[in-house]
Amino acid sequence: MVERLVVIGASAGGFSALQTIFSGLGTDFDFPILVCKHLGIGDEKGLVDVLASRTGTTVMLSQDKLPMYNGCIYMAPGNYHLQVESRDTISLSIDERICHSRPAVDVLFESAADVFKDQVTAVVLTGANSDGAAGVEAIKNSGGKVVVQSLDSAEVKIMPKAAIETGCVDEILDLEDIAAYLRRS
């Protein structure tokens, strides 16, 4: 059973940010990572392949009822919400769009908070809408931790700014410092 989970939300500018974080994590981290990045249908396969090849990490496209394993990164597919179903399993849904997005960061974060409570860390990266802000509140209310990319290091500041404005953020870090934080938390 998975003991600890990291969830990451990103939008515009997120590809480069994810590369930086995954490269900094190395290949021996002891938790699964679920990623919701706003993207179009069909764009996710290229993203998964490039991230896996450039970081040396196991990166895979999420599927419904897929088991989670430590040391693996699971990306939300285009047009599906990625959710935490249990401490071992993820699921997908085609529920309505949130903040004009499917996949939506809020859906991922809220489901992670429900299942993992204080054993989840949420990371909000660069992006062009407020998706993730409600999810940040859910993570914090469940006892989890919230890390947000600094506005100075974010390519697009709207998403991290919305998260910061919730007042539920534990750390605001430059992009290059997020991987080290995740490894030691």
N, C-alpha and C. Protein backbone atom coordinates (compact mmCIF):
# COMPACT_ATOMS: atom_id res chain seq x y z
N MET A 1 0.84 -1.19 0.00
CA MET A 1 0.00 0.00 0.00
C MET A 1 0.88 1.25 0.00
N VAL A 2 0.51 2.23 -0.79
CA VAL A 2 1.25 3.49 -0.88
C VAL A 2 1.05 4.28 0.41
N GLU A 3 2.14 4.74 0.99
CA GLU A 3 2.07 5.48 2.25
C GLU A 3 2.00 6.99 2.04
N ARG A 4 2.66 7.48 0.99
CA ARG A 4 2.79 8.92 0.77
C ARG A 4 2.61 9.20 -0.71
N LEU A 5 1.98 10.33 -1.03
CA LEU A 5 1.70 10.68 -2.41
C LEU A 5 2.07 12.12 -2.70
N VAL A 6 2.57 12.37 -3.91
CA VAL A 6 2.80 13.73 -4.40
C VAL A 6 1.90 13.94 -5.61
N VAL A 7 1.18 15.06 -5.62
CA VAL A 7 0.33 15.43 -6.76
C VAL A 7 0.82 16.77 -7.28
N ILE A 8 0.87 16.89 -8.60
CA ILE A 8 1.39 18.11 -9.23
C ILE A 8 0.39 18.63 -10.23
N GLY A 9 0.15 19.94 -10.21
CA GLY A 9 -0.71 20.59 -11.18
C GLY A 9 0.07 21.61 -11.97
N ALA A 10 -0.13 21.62 -13.30
CA ALA A 10 0.58 22.55 -14.17
C ALA A 10 -0.28 22.86 -15.39
N SER A 11 0.02 23.98 -16.00
CA SER A 11 -0.66 24.34 -17.25
C SER A 11 0.38 24.98 -18.16
N ALA A 12 0.11 26.17 -18.64
CA ALA A 12 1.01 26.84 -19.58
C ALA A 12 2.41 26.95 -18.98
N GLY A 13 3.41 26.49 -19.73
CA GLY A 13 4.80 26.50 -19.27
C GLY A 13 5.16 25.28 -18.44
N GLY A 14 4.22 24.39 -18.24
CA GLY A 14 4.41 23.26 -17.34
C GLY A 14 5.37 22.20 -17.84
N PHE A 15 5.50 22.04 -19.15
CA PHE A 15 6.39 21.00 -19.67
C PHE A 15 7.82 21.20 -19.18
N SER A 16 8.32 22.39 -19.34
CA SER A 16 9.68 22.70 -18.91
C SER A 16 9.81 22.57 -17.39
N ALA A 17 8.81 23.03 -16.67
CA ALA A 17 8.83 22.95 -15.20
C ALA A 17 8.87 21.50 -14.74
N LEU A 18 8.07 20.65 -15.36
CA LEU A 18 8.05 19.23 -15.00
C LEU A 18 9.40 18.58 -15.28
N GLN A 19 10.01 18.91 -16.40
CA GLN A 19 11.34 18.37 -16.73
C GLN A 19 12.34 18.71 -15.64
N THR A 20 12.32 19.95 -15.19
CA THR A 20 13.25 20.40 -14.16
C THR A 20 13.05 19.62 -12.87
N ILE A 21 11.81 19.47 -12.45
CA ILE A 21 11.52 18.76 -11.20
C ILE A 21 11.90 17.30 -11.31
N PHE A 22 11.46 16.63 -12.38
CA PHE A 22 11.73 15.20 -12.52
C PHE A 22 13.22 14.92 -12.64
N SER A 23 13.95 15.77 -13.32
CA SER A 23 15.40 15.60 -13.43
C SER A 23 16.06 15.72 -12.06
N GLY A 24 15.56 16.62 -11.25
CA GLY A 24 16.12 16.84 -9.91
C GLY A 24 15.77 15.74 -8.93
N LEU A 25 14.72 14.99 -9.18
CA LEU A 25 14.31 13.91 -8.27
C LEU A 25 15.20 12.69 -8.37
N GLY A 26 15.80 12.48 -9.51
CA GLY A 26 16.54 11.25 -9.73
C GLY A 26 15.57 10.11 -10.01
N THR A 27 16.03 8.89 -9.84
CA THR A 27 15.19 7.74 -10.18
C THR A 27 14.87 6.87 -8.97
N ASP A 28 15.24 7.30 -7.78
CA ASP A 28 15.04 6.44 -6.62
C ASP A 28 14.13 7.06 -5.55
N PHE A 29 13.16 7.85 -5.94
CA PHE A 29 12.24 8.44 -4.96
C PHE A 29 11.23 7.38 -4.53
N ASP A 30 10.77 7.49 -3.29
CA ASP A 30 9.96 6.41 -2.70
C ASP A 30 8.48 6.78 -2.52
N PHE A 31 7.93 7.41 -3.53
CA PHE A 31 6.51 7.75 -3.53
C PHE A 31 6.06 7.85 -4.98
N PRO A 32 4.77 7.63 -5.25
CA PRO A 32 4.26 7.88 -6.59
C PRO A 32 3.96 9.37 -6.77
N ILE A 33 3.99 9.80 -8.02
CA ILE A 33 3.64 11.18 -8.36
C ILE A 33 2.53 11.13 -9.41
N LEU A 34 1.46 11.85 -9.13
CA LEU A 34 0.36 11.99 -10.10
C LEU A 34 0.39 13.41 -10.63
N VAL A 35 0.33 13.55 -11.96
CA VAL A 35 0.47 14.87 -12.59
C VAL A 35 -0.76 15.19 -13.43
N CYS A 36 -1.30 16.35 -13.19
CA CYS A 36 -2.36 16.90 -14.04
C CYS A 36 -1.77 18.12 -14.74
N LYS A 37 -1.56 17.99 -16.03
CA LYS A 37 -1.13 19.13 -16.84
C LYS A 37 -2.19 19.38 -17.90
N HIS A 38 -2.65 20.60 -17.99
CA HIS A 38 -3.63 20.92 -19.02
C HIS A 38 -3.01 20.69 -20.39
N LEU A 39 -3.69 19.89 -21.20
CA LEU A 39 -3.20 19.61 -22.55
C LEU A 39 -4.34 19.12 -23.41
N GLY A 40 -4.08 19.08 -24.69
CA GLY A 40 -5.10 18.64 -25.63
C GLY A 40 -5.09 17.13 -25.79
N ILE A 41 -6.17 16.61 -26.31
CA ILE A 41 -6.28 15.18 -26.56
C ILE A 41 -5.19 14.78 -27.55
N GLY A 42 -4.47 13.74 -27.23
CA GLY A 42 -3.41 13.25 -28.10
C GLY A 42 -2.04 13.85 -27.82
N ASP A 43 -1.99 14.95 -27.07
CA ASP A 43 -0.71 15.60 -26.76
C ASP A 43 0.06 14.87 -25.67
N GLU A 44 -0.66 14.06 -24.87
CA GLU A 44 -0.04 13.48 -23.69
C GLU A 44 1.02 12.43 -24.02
N LYS A 45 0.86 11.68 -25.09
CA LYS A 45 1.82 10.62 -25.42
C LYS A 45 3.21 11.20 -25.67
N GLY A 46 3.29 12.28 -26.43
CA GLY A 46 4.57 12.93 -26.68
C GLY A 46 5.17 13.47 -25.40
N LEU A 47 4.34 14.04 -24.54
CA LEU A 47 4.81 14.58 -23.27
C LEU A 47 5.40 13.46 -22.40
N VAL A 48 4.70 12.35 -22.30
CA VAL A 48 5.16 11.21 -21.50
C VAL A 48 6.49 10.69 -22.04
N ASP A 49 6.57 10.49 -23.35
CA ASP A 49 7.80 9.96 -23.96
C ASP A 49 9.00 10.87 -23.73
N VAL A 50 8.81 12.16 -23.94
CA VAL A 50 9.92 13.10 -23.78
C VAL A 50 10.35 13.19 -22.32
N LEU A 51 9.39 13.28 -21.40
CA LEU A 51 9.74 13.36 -19.97
C LEU A 51 10.49 12.10 -19.53
N ALA A 52 10.03 10.94 -19.96
CA ALA A 52 10.70 9.69 -19.58
C ALA A 52 12.12 9.64 -20.14
N SER A 53 12.30 10.03 -21.40
CA SER A 53 13.62 9.94 -22.02
C SER A 53 14.60 10.97 -21.46
N ARG A 54 14.10 12.13 -21.10
CA ARG A 54 15.00 13.19 -20.62
C ARG A 54 15.30 13.11 -19.13
N THR A 55 14.49 12.37 -18.40
CA THR A 55 14.70 12.32 -16.95
C THR A 55 15.15 10.95 -16.46
N GLY A 56 15.00 9.90 -17.28
CA GLY A 56 15.37 8.56 -16.85
C GLY A 56 14.42 7.97 -15.83
N THR A 57 13.27 8.60 -15.66
CA THR A 57 12.28 8.18 -14.68
C THR A 57 11.15 7.43 -15.37
N THR A 58 10.49 6.54 -14.65
CA THR A 58 9.33 5.85 -15.20
C THR A 58 8.16 6.81 -15.23
N VAL A 59 7.77 7.22 -16.43
CA VAL A 59 6.63 8.13 -16.62
C VAL A 59 5.64 7.39 -17.51
N MET A 60 4.39 7.35 -17.05
CA MET A 60 3.39 6.64 -17.85
C MET A 60 2.08 7.40 -17.89
N LEU A 61 1.33 7.14 -18.94
CA LEU A 61 0.01 7.71 -19.10
C LEU A 61 -0.96 6.94 -18.22
N SER A 62 -1.73 7.64 -17.42
CA SER A 62 -2.66 7.00 -16.50
C SER A 62 -3.77 6.28 -17.25
N GLN A 63 -4.22 5.19 -16.65
CA GLN A 63 -5.36 4.44 -17.15
C GLN A 63 -6.31 4.21 -16.00
N ASP A 64 -7.56 3.96 -16.32
CA ASP A 64 -8.56 3.73 -15.28
C ASP A 64 -8.23 2.46 -14.51
N LYS A 65 -8.31 2.56 -13.19
CA LYS A 65 -8.07 1.45 -12.25
C LYS A 65 -6.62 0.97 -12.25
N LEU A 66 -5.70 1.83 -12.65
CA LEU A 66 -4.27 1.49 -12.68
C LEU A 66 -3.71 1.52 -11.26
N PRO A 67 -2.94 0.50 -10.87
CA PRO A 67 -2.31 0.55 -9.54
C PRO A 67 -1.17 1.57 -9.52
N MET A 68 -0.95 2.15 -8.35
CA MET A 68 0.16 3.10 -8.16
C MET A 68 1.34 2.38 -7.51
N TYR A 69 2.54 2.78 -7.94
CA TYR A 69 3.76 2.23 -7.35
C TYR A 69 4.72 3.36 -7.02
N ASN A 70 5.47 3.18 -5.95
CA ASN A 70 6.50 4.16 -5.59
C ASN A 70 7.52 4.26 -6.71
N GLY A 71 8.02 5.47 -6.92
CA GLY A 71 9.03 5.69 -7.93
C GLY A 71 8.50 5.84 -9.35
N CYS A 72 7.18 5.90 -9.50
CA CYS A 72 6.57 6.05 -10.82
C CYS A 72 5.81 7.38 -10.90
N ILE A 73 5.77 7.92 -12.11
CA ILE A 73 5.04 9.16 -12.37
C ILE A 73 3.90 8.84 -13.32
N TYR A 74 2.70 9.27 -12.96
CA TYR A 74 1.49 9.00 -13.73
C TYR A 74 0.92 10.32 -14.24
N MET A 75 0.80 10.45 -15.55
CA MET A 75 0.28 11.66 -16.18
C MET A 75 -1.20 11.49 -16.54
N ALA A 76 -1.98 12.52 -16.31
CA ALA A 76 -3.39 12.50 -16.69
C ALA A 76 -3.50 12.54 -18.21
N PRO A 77 -4.35 11.69 -18.79
CA PRO A 77 -4.56 11.76 -20.24
C PRO A 77 -5.46 12.95 -20.60
N GLY A 78 -5.34 13.43 -21.83
CA GLY A 78 -6.18 14.52 -22.29
C GLY A 78 -7.66 14.14 -22.23
N ASN A 79 -8.48 15.06 -21.80
CA ASN A 79 -9.93 14.94 -21.74
C ASN A 79 -10.44 13.99 -20.66
N TYR A 80 -9.58 13.60 -19.70
CA TYR A 80 -9.99 12.78 -18.56
C TYR A 80 -9.47 13.40 -17.27
N HIS A 81 -10.33 13.44 -16.25
CA HIS A 81 -9.86 13.82 -14.92
C HIS A 81 -9.13 12.63 -14.32
N LEU A 82 -8.00 12.89 -13.70
CA LEU A 82 -7.23 11.89 -12.97
C LEU A 82 -7.61 12.01 -11.50
N GLN A 83 -7.97 10.87 -10.89
CA GLN A 83 -8.40 10.87 -9.50
C GLN A 83 -7.69 9.77 -8.72
N VAL A 84 -7.56 9.99 -7.42
CA VAL A 84 -7.06 8.97 -6.52
C VAL A 84 -8.29 8.21 -6.03
N GLU A 85 -8.32 6.92 -6.32
CA GLU A 85 -9.46 6.10 -5.92
C GLU A 85 -9.24 5.47 -4.54
N SER A 86 -8.03 4.99 -4.31
CA SER A 86 -7.67 4.37 -3.03
C SER A 86 -6.17 4.58 -2.83
N ARG A 87 -5.64 4.06 -1.75
CA ARG A 87 -4.21 4.20 -1.50
C ARG A 87 -3.35 3.43 -2.49
N ASP A 88 -3.97 2.65 -3.32
CA ASP A 88 -3.23 1.86 -4.30
C ASP A 88 -3.65 2.08 -5.75
N THR A 89 -4.76 2.78 -5.97
CA THR A 89 -5.36 2.80 -7.31
C THR A 89 -5.76 4.21 -7.73
N ILE A 90 -5.55 4.48 -9.02
CA ILE A 90 -6.04 5.73 -9.60
C ILE A 90 -7.22 5.40 -10.51
N SER A 91 -8.00 6.42 -10.82
CA SER A 91 -9.12 6.23 -11.74
C SER A 91 -9.23 7.46 -12.63
N LEU A 92 -10.00 7.32 -13.69
CA LEU A 92 -10.24 8.41 -14.63
C LEU A 92 -11.73 8.67 -14.70
N SER A 93 -12.09 9.91 -15.00
CA SER A 93 -13.51 10.23 -15.20
C SER A 93 -13.64 11.27 -16.31
N ILE A 94 -14.85 11.33 -16.85
CA ILE A 94 -15.15 12.35 -17.86
C ILE A 94 -16.21 13.32 -17.31
N ASP A 95 -16.18 13.52 -15.99
CA ASP A 95 -17.08 14.50 -15.37
C ASP A 95 -16.83 15.87 -15.98
N GLU A 96 -17.72 16.79 -15.68
CA GLU A 96 -17.66 18.12 -16.29
C GLU A 96 -16.30 18.79 -16.08
N ARG A 97 -15.99 19.71 -16.97
CA ARG A 97 -14.74 20.48 -16.89
C ARG A 97 -14.77 21.40 -15.67
N ILE A 98 -13.61 21.61 -15.09
CA ILE A 98 -13.43 22.53 -13.98
C ILE A 98 -12.46 23.60 -14.47
N CYS A 99 -12.80 24.87 -14.28
CA CYS A 99 -11.96 25.97 -14.79
C CYS A 99 -11.66 25.75 -16.27
N HIS A 100 -12.65 25.30 -17.01
CA HIS A 100 -12.54 25.04 -18.44
C HIS A 100 -11.57 23.92 -18.78
N SER A 101 -11.23 23.09 -17.80
CA SER A 101 -10.19 22.08 -18.02
C SER A 101 -10.66 20.66 -17.67
N ARG A 102 -10.25 19.74 -18.48
CA ARG A 102 -10.35 18.30 -18.20
C ARG A 102 -9.17 17.67 -18.91
N PRO A 103 -8.15 17.30 -18.20
CA PRO A 103 -8.08 17.08 -16.76
C PRO A 103 -7.99 18.40 -15.97
N ALA A 104 -8.49 18.36 -14.74
CA ALA A 104 -8.44 19.53 -13.86
C ALA A 104 -7.61 19.21 -12.62
N VAL A 105 -6.80 20.17 -12.25
CA VAL A 105 -5.95 20.03 -11.07
C VAL A 105 -6.80 19.90 -9.81
N ASP A 106 -7.87 20.69 -9.71
CA ASP A 106 -8.72 20.63 -8.52
C ASP A 106 -9.25 19.22 -8.28
N VAL A 107 -9.67 18.53 -9.32
CA VAL A 107 -10.20 17.17 -9.18
C VAL A 107 -9.13 16.24 -8.61
N LEU A 108 -7.93 16.30 -9.15
CA LEU A 108 -6.84 15.46 -8.66
C LEU A 108 -6.52 15.79 -7.20
N PHE A 109 -6.34 17.06 -6.89
CA PHE A 109 -5.96 17.46 -5.54
C PHE A 109 -7.04 17.07 -4.52
N GLU A 110 -8.30 17.32 -4.84
CA GLU A 110 -9.39 17.03 -3.90
C GLU A 110 -9.49 15.53 -3.63
N SER A 111 -9.34 14.71 -4.66
CA SER A 111 -9.41 13.26 -4.45
C SER A 111 -8.20 12.77 -3.65
N ALA A 112 -7.04 13.35 -3.88
CA ALA A 112 -5.84 12.98 -3.12
C ALA A 112 -5.99 13.35 -1.65
N ALA A 113 -6.58 14.51 -1.39
CA ALA A 113 -6.82 14.93 0.00
C ALA A 113 -7.78 13.98 0.69
N ASP A 114 -8.82 13.55 0.00
CA ASP A 114 -9.80 12.63 0.58
C ASP A 114 -9.16 11.31 0.98
N VAL A 115 -8.28 10.79 0.16
CA VAL A 115 -7.71 9.46 0.40
C VAL A 115 -6.45 9.51 1.27
N PHE A 116 -5.53 10.44 1.01
CA PHE A 116 -4.24 10.43 1.68
C PHE A 116 -4.13 11.38 2.86
N LYS A 117 -5.11 12.22 3.07
CA LYS A 117 -5.15 13.14 4.22
C LYS A 117 -3.82 13.88 4.39
N ASP A 118 -3.14 13.64 5.54
CA ASP A 118 -1.91 14.37 5.84
C ASP A 118 -0.67 13.75 5.19
N GLN A 119 -0.85 12.73 4.37
CA GLN A 119 0.27 12.07 3.71
C GLN A 119 0.37 12.44 2.22
N VAL A 120 -0.18 13.60 1.87
CA VAL A 120 -0.11 14.07 0.48
C VAL A 120 0.56 15.43 0.45
N THR A 121 1.39 15.61 -0.57
CA THR A 121 2.00 16.92 -0.84
C THR A 121 1.55 17.34 -2.23
N ALA A 122 0.99 18.54 -2.32
CA ALA A 122 0.55 19.09 -3.59
C ALA A 122 1.54 20.15 -4.06
N VAL A 123 1.79 20.16 -5.36
CA VAL A 123 2.70 21.15 -5.96
C VAL A 123 1.94 21.85 -7.08
N VAL A 124 1.90 23.17 -7.02
CA VAL A 124 1.27 23.97 -8.06
C VAL A 124 2.36 24.69 -8.83
N LEU A 125 2.35 24.47 -10.15
CA LEU A 125 3.36 25.05 -11.03
C LEU A 125 2.73 26.13 -11.92
N THR A 126 3.51 26.62 -12.82
CA THR A 126 3.13 27.63 -13.79
C THR A 126 1.80 27.29 -14.47
N GLY A 127 1.01 28.31 -14.78
CA GLY A 127 -0.26 28.06 -15.46
C GLY A 127 -1.06 29.33 -15.64
N ALA A 128 -2.06 29.24 -16.53
CA ALA A 128 -2.78 30.43 -16.97
C ALA A 128 -4.22 30.52 -16.47
N ASN A 129 -4.62 29.71 -15.49
CA ASN A 129 -5.93 29.92 -14.89
C ASN A 129 -5.86 29.58 -13.41
N SER A 130 -6.98 29.63 -12.72
CA SER A 130 -6.98 29.44 -11.27
C SER A 130 -7.18 27.98 -10.85
N ASP A 131 -7.16 27.05 -11.80
CA ASP A 131 -7.32 25.64 -11.47
C ASP A 131 -6.24 25.24 -10.45
N GLY A 132 -6.65 24.54 -9.43
CA GLY A 132 -5.74 24.14 -8.37
C GLY A 132 -5.98 24.87 -7.06
N ALA A 133 -6.55 26.06 -7.11
CA ALA A 133 -6.75 26.84 -5.88
C ALA A 133 -7.71 26.13 -4.92
N ALA A 134 -8.84 25.64 -5.40
CA ALA A 134 -9.77 24.91 -4.54
C ALA A 134 -9.13 23.62 -4.03
N GLY A 135 -8.37 22.97 -4.88
CA GLY A 135 -7.68 21.75 -4.49
C GLY A 135 -6.63 21.99 -3.42
N VAL A 136 -5.95 23.12 -3.49
CA VAL A 136 -4.96 23.49 -2.49
C VAL A 136 -5.65 23.62 -1.12
N GLU A 137 -6.81 24.22 -1.10
CA GLU A 137 -7.55 24.36 0.15
C GLU A 137 -7.93 22.98 0.70
N ALA A 138 -8.34 22.07 -0.17
CA ALA A 138 -8.70 20.72 0.26
C ALA A 138 -7.48 19.99 0.83
N ILE A 139 -6.33 20.12 0.18
CA ILE A 139 -5.10 19.48 0.66
C ILE A 139 -4.76 20.01 2.05
N LYS A 140 -4.77 21.31 2.19
CA LYS A 140 -4.41 21.93 3.47
C LYS A 140 -5.40 21.54 4.57
N ASN A 141 -6.70 21.54 4.25
CA ASN A 141 -7.72 21.17 5.23
C ASN A 141 -7.63 19.71 5.66
N SER A 142 -7.02 18.87 4.83
CA SER A 142 -6.86 17.45 5.18
C SER A 142 -5.58 17.20 5.97
N GLY A 143 -4.77 18.26 6.13
CA GLY A 143 -3.51 18.12 6.87
C GLY A 143 -2.30 17.93 5.98
N GLY A 144 -2.50 17.92 4.66
CA GLY A 144 -1.40 17.75 3.73
C GLY A 144 -0.56 19.01 3.59
N LYS A 145 0.49 18.91 2.76
CA LYS A 145 1.38 20.04 2.53
C LYS A 145 1.17 20.59 1.13
N VAL A 146 1.40 21.90 0.99
CA VAL A 146 1.23 22.58 -0.30
C VAL A 146 2.49 23.38 -0.62
N VAL A 147 3.03 23.11 -1.81
CA VAL A 147 4.20 23.82 -2.32
C VAL A 147 3.79 24.51 -3.61
N VAL A 148 4.20 25.75 -3.77
CA VAL A 148 3.87 26.50 -4.98
C VAL A 148 5.16 27.05 -5.59
N GLN A 149 5.23 26.96 -6.91
CA GLN A 149 6.35 27.55 -7.63
C GLN A 149 6.33 29.05 -7.43
N SER A 150 7.49 29.63 -7.17
CA SER A 150 7.57 31.08 -6.97
C SER A 150 7.13 31.82 -8.22
N LEU A 151 6.52 32.95 -8.02
CA LEU A 151 6.05 33.75 -9.15
C LEU A 151 7.22 34.18 -10.03
N ASP A 152 8.37 34.44 -9.42
CA ASP A 152 9.55 34.85 -10.19
C ASP A 152 10.03 33.75 -11.13
N SER A 153 9.85 32.48 -10.75
CA SER A 153 10.34 31.40 -11.60
C SER A 153 9.25 30.80 -12.50
N ALA A 154 8.00 31.24 -12.33
CA ALA A 154 6.89 30.71 -13.13
C ALA A 154 6.83 31.41 -14.48
N GLU A 155 6.70 30.62 -15.54
CA GLU A 155 6.56 31.19 -16.88
C GLU A 155 5.24 31.96 -16.99
N VAL A 156 4.17 31.40 -16.43
CA VAL A 156 2.86 32.07 -16.39
C VAL A 156 2.42 32.07 -14.93
N LYS A 157 2.13 33.22 -14.37
CA LYS A 157 1.98 33.38 -12.93
C LYS A 157 0.57 33.18 -12.38
N ILE A 158 -0.44 33.08 -13.22
CA ILE A 158 -1.83 33.08 -12.75
C ILE A 158 -2.13 31.90 -11.82
N MET A 159 -1.75 30.70 -12.20
CA MET A 159 -2.06 29.52 -11.40
C MET A 159 -1.34 29.53 -10.05
N PRO A 160 -0.02 29.76 -10.01
CA PRO A 160 0.61 29.82 -8.69
C PRO A 160 0.10 30.98 -7.84
N LYS A 161 -0.21 32.09 -8.47
CA LYS A 161 -0.72 33.25 -7.72
C LYS A 161 -2.06 32.93 -7.08
N ALA A 162 -2.94 32.25 -7.82
CA ALA A 162 -4.25 31.87 -7.27
C ALA A 162 -4.08 30.94 -6.08
N ALA A 163 -3.13 30.01 -6.17
CA ALA A 163 -2.87 29.10 -5.05
C ALA A 163 -2.35 29.87 -3.83
N ILE A 164 -1.42 30.78 -4.05
CA ILE A 164 -0.86 31.57 -2.96
C ILE A 164 -1.95 32.39 -2.27
N GLU A 165 -2.85 32.95 -3.06
CA GLU A 165 -3.91 33.80 -2.51
C GLU A 165 -4.91 33.03 -1.63
N THR A 166 -4.89 31.71 -1.66
CA THR A 166 -5.77 30.94 -0.77
C THR A 166 -5.31 31.03 0.68
N GLY A 167 -4.04 31.36 0.90
CA GLY A 167 -3.49 31.39 2.25
C GLY A 167 -3.21 30.00 2.80
N CYS A 168 -3.22 28.99 1.94
CA CYS A 168 -3.05 27.59 2.36
C CYS A 168 -1.72 27.00 1.92
N VAL A 169 -0.75 27.83 1.62
CA VAL A 169 0.52 27.36 1.07
C VAL A 169 1.57 27.26 2.17
N ASP A 170 2.27 26.12 2.20
CA ASP A 170 3.34 25.92 3.18
C ASP A 170 4.67 26.48 2.71
N GLU A 171 4.96 26.30 1.41
CA GLU A 171 6.25 26.75 0.87
C GLU A 171 6.05 27.36 -0.51
N ILE A 172 6.75 28.44 -0.77
CA ILE A 172 6.84 29.03 -2.10
C ILE A 172 8.31 28.91 -2.49
N LEU A 173 8.58 28.10 -3.52
CA LEU A 173 9.96 27.77 -3.87
C LEU A 173 10.25 28.05 -5.34
N ASP A 174 11.49 28.41 -5.61
CA ASP A 174 11.93 28.50 -6.99
C ASP A 174 11.86 27.09 -7.58
N LEU A 175 11.63 27.02 -8.86
CA LEU A 175 11.45 25.73 -9.53
C LEU A 175 12.58 24.75 -9.23
N GLU A 176 13.81 25.24 -9.23
CA GLU A 176 14.98 24.38 -9.03
C GLU A 176 15.04 23.78 -7.63
N ASP A 177 14.28 24.32 -6.67
CA ASP A 177 14.32 23.84 -5.29
C ASP A 177 13.19 22.86 -4.95
N ILE A 178 12.25 22.68 -5.85
CA ILE A 178 11.08 21.85 -5.53
C ILE A 178 11.45 20.37 -5.41
N ALA A 179 12.26 19.84 -6.30
CA ALA A 179 12.64 18.43 -6.23
C ALA A 179 13.33 18.11 -4.90
N ALA A 180 14.24 18.95 -4.47
CA ALA A 180 14.94 18.72 -3.20
C ALA A 180 13.96 18.73 -2.05
N TYR A 181 12.98 19.63 -2.07
CA TYR A 181 11.96 19.67 -1.03
C TYR A 181 11.17 18.36 -1.00
N LEU A 182 10.78 17.86 -2.15
CA LEU A 182 9.99 16.64 -2.21
C LEU A 182 10.78 15.44 -1.69
N ARG A 183 12.05 15.40 -1.98
CA ARG A 183 12.88 14.26 -1.53
C ARG A 183 13.06 14.25 -0.01
N ARG A 184 13.09 15.42 0.61
CA ARG A 184 13.35 15.44 2.05
C ARG A 184 12.07 15.51 2.89
N SER A 185 10.92 15.76 2.27
CA SER A 185 9.66 15.90 3.04
C SER A 185 9.10 14.56 3.43
